[in-house]
């Protein structure tokens, strides 16, 4: 029987080193770069059970085209969303949220240096401090 363990988003970026710094600073990822000196051909970013891969190859920044048009959706657990939200706001602008979605999760979005849209979501026991999403 085949058992898939996980999926790993691979994002094409303009500058691997710059993107690694951003993901480590904003989200607290750790990075394993290949090779260990520039120019890098990939970076594997890890934190807890989450993993992202960055590879060079984008010649223009990604562009957001509408609601729910993100490249990565990160689900949190353990009540960490508020801490991450407050930390992220100090490092980069939010592009949406935080807001309570129709399914009850709280979401916010931001963009990495290459314009990739990252959505952060968590089901919280108390969402009373967040506005409801305008869209259904």
Protein backbone atom coordinates (compact mmCIF):
# COMPACT_ATOMS: atom_id res chain seq x y z
CA UNK A 1 0.00 0.00 0.00
CA UNK A 2 1.26 3.46 -0.91
CA UNK A 3 1.03 6.02 1.90
CA UNK A 4 1.69 9.67 1.21
CA UNK A 5 3.30 11.38 4.20
CA UNK A 6 3.11 15.05 3.22
CA UNK A 7 3.17 17.57 0.41
CA UNK A 8 5.78 20.30 0.17
CA UNK A 9 5.14 23.54 -1.71
CA UNK A 10 7.99 24.58 -3.99
CA UNK A 11 8.17 28.32 -4.61
CA UNK A 12 10.25 29.82 -7.40
CA UNK A 13 11.96 32.98 -6.18
CA UNK A 14 14.15 35.75 -7.57
CA UNK A 15 16.76 35.55 -4.80
CA UNK A 16 16.94 32.45 -2.59
CA UNK A 17 19.04 34.12 0.13
CA UNK A 18 16.68 37.10 0.42
CA UNK A 19 13.63 34.83 0.57
CA UNK A 20 15.26 32.59 3.19
CA UNK A 21 15.93 35.62 5.40
CA UNK A 22 12.29 36.72 5.07
CA UNK A 23 10.78 33.30 5.90
CA UNK A 24 13.14 32.83 8.83
CA UNK A 25 12.45 36.33 10.16
CA UNK A 26 8.66 36.40 9.70
CA UNK A 27 7.78 32.77 10.47
CA UNK A 28 10.78 31.43 12.38
CA UNK A 29 11.65 28.77 9.81
CA UNK A 30 15.08 27.13 9.82
CA UNK A 31 16.85 26.79 6.49
CA UNK A 32 19.08 24.18 4.90
CA UNK A 33 20.72 25.72 1.82
CA UNK A 34 22.18 23.86 -1.14
CA UNK A 35 25.02 24.34 -1.70
CA UNK A 36 26.11 25.87 1.59
CA UNK A 37 27.49 28.98 -0.18
CA UNK A 38 25.89 31.20 -2.82
CA UNK A 39 24.69 30.89 -5.48
CA UNK A 40 22.03 28.66 -3.93
CA UNK A 41 20.05 26.14 -6.00
CA UNK A 42 17.54 25.40 -3.26
CA UNK A 43 16.56 25.99 0.32
CA UNK A 44 14.50 23.65 2.46
CA UNK A 45 12.67 25.61 5.13
CA UNK A 46 11.28 23.77 8.16
CA UNK A 47 9.39 24.63 11.29
CA UNK A 48 7.53 22.08 13.39
CA UNK A 49 5.77 19.81 10.85
CA UNK A 50 5.72 22.41 8.06
CA UNK A 51 8.15 22.43 5.16
CA UNK A 52 8.67 24.72 2.16
CA UNK A 53 11.22 24.57 -0.62
CA UNK A 54 12.57 27.67 -2.34
CA UNK A 55 14.28 27.41 -5.72
CA UNK A 56 15.60 30.07 -8.06
CA UNK A 57 13.83 30.55 -11.32
CA UNK A 58 11.24 33.29 -11.12
CA UNK A 59 12.02 36.18 -13.40
CA UNK A 60 9.06 38.32 -12.35
CA UNK A 61 7.30 38.63 -8.99
CA UNK A 62 4.11 36.65 -8.40
CA UNK A 63 0.94 38.68 -8.67
CA UNK A 64 -2.16 38.39 -6.53
CA UNK A 65 -5.22 38.14 -8.75
CA UNK A 66 -8.19 37.95 -6.38
CA UNK A 67 -9.81 36.61 -3.25
CA UNK A 68 -8.48 33.27 -2.00
CA UNK A 69 -5.65 33.36 -4.54
CA UNK A 70 -2.74 32.26 -2.41
CA UNK A 71 0.31 30.12 -3.03
CA UNK A 72 0.69 28.60 0.45
CA UNK A 73 -1.93 27.92 3.14
CA UNK A 74 -0.38 27.32 6.56
CA UNK A 75 -2.62 25.80 9.24
CA UNK A 76 -1.56 26.46 12.82
CA UNK A 77 -2.54 24.72 16.02
CA UNK A 78 -2.03 25.33 19.72
CA UNK A 79 -3.39 28.88 19.83
CA UNK A 80 -0.32 30.41 18.19
CA UNK A 81 -2.09 32.51 15.56
CA UNK A 82 -2.33 35.66 17.65
CA UNK A 83 1.38 35.57 18.56
CA UNK A 84 2.38 34.96 14.94
CA UNK A 85 0.00 37.68 13.76
CA UNK A 86 1.50 40.23 16.15
CA UNK A 87 5.04 39.23 15.23
CA UNK A 88 4.36 39.25 11.47
CA UNK A 89 2.76 42.71 11.63
CA UNK A 90 6.03 44.10 12.98
CA UNK A 91 8.02 42.65 10.07
CA UNK A 92 5.84 42.86 6.97
CA UNK A 93 2.52 44.36 5.91
CA UNK A 94 -0.61 42.23 6.06
CA UNK A 95 -2.60 42.11 2.83
CA UNK A 96 -5.79 40.66 4.36
CA UNK A 97 -7.27 40.07 7.76
CA UNK A 98 -7.21 38.90 10.34
CA UNK A 99 -10.81 37.85 9.94
CA UNK A 100 -13.13 34.99 10.83
CA UNK A 101 -14.00 32.89 7.81
CA UNK A 102 -17.40 31.19 7.31
CA UNK A 103 -15.88 27.86 8.46
CA UNK A 104 -14.90 29.51 11.78
CA UNK A 105 -11.14 29.72 11.25
CA UNK A 106 -9.27 32.98 11.66
CA UNK A 107 -7.12 33.85 8.66
CA UNK A 108 -4.68 36.54 7.65
CA UNK A 109 -2.53 36.93 4.55
CA UNK A 110 0.80 38.45 3.70
CA UNK A 111 3.16 38.42 0.74
CA UNK A 112 6.75 37.28 0.59
CA UNK A 113 9.42 39.35 -1.24
CA UNK A 114 8.50 37.63 -4.53
CA UNK A 115 4.79 38.38 -4.22
CA UNK A 116 3.74 34.87 -3.18
CA UNK A 117 0.59 35.12 -1.11
CA UNK A 118 0.79 33.22 2.20
CA UNK A 119 -2.43 32.54 4.13
CA UNK A 120 -2.15 31.71 7.83
CA UNK A 121 -5.15 30.04 9.48
CA UNK A 122 -6.16 28.55 12.81
CA UNK A 123 -9.34 27.44 14.49
CA UNK A 124 -9.46 29.36 17.76
CA UNK A 125 -11.82 28.70 20.67
CA UNK A 126 -12.69 32.42 20.92
CA UNK A 127 -12.94 34.49 17.74
CA UNK A 128 -14.87 37.38 19.30
CA UNK A 129 -11.94 39.79 18.87
CA UNK A 130 -11.85 39.39 15.08
CA UNK A 131 -14.19 40.76 12.41
CA UNK A 132 -16.18 38.37 10.24
CA UNK A 133 -15.00 38.06 6.63
CA UNK A 134 -16.94 40.26 4.26
CA UNK A 135 -17.14 37.53 1.65
CA UNK A 136 -18.97 34.27 2.11
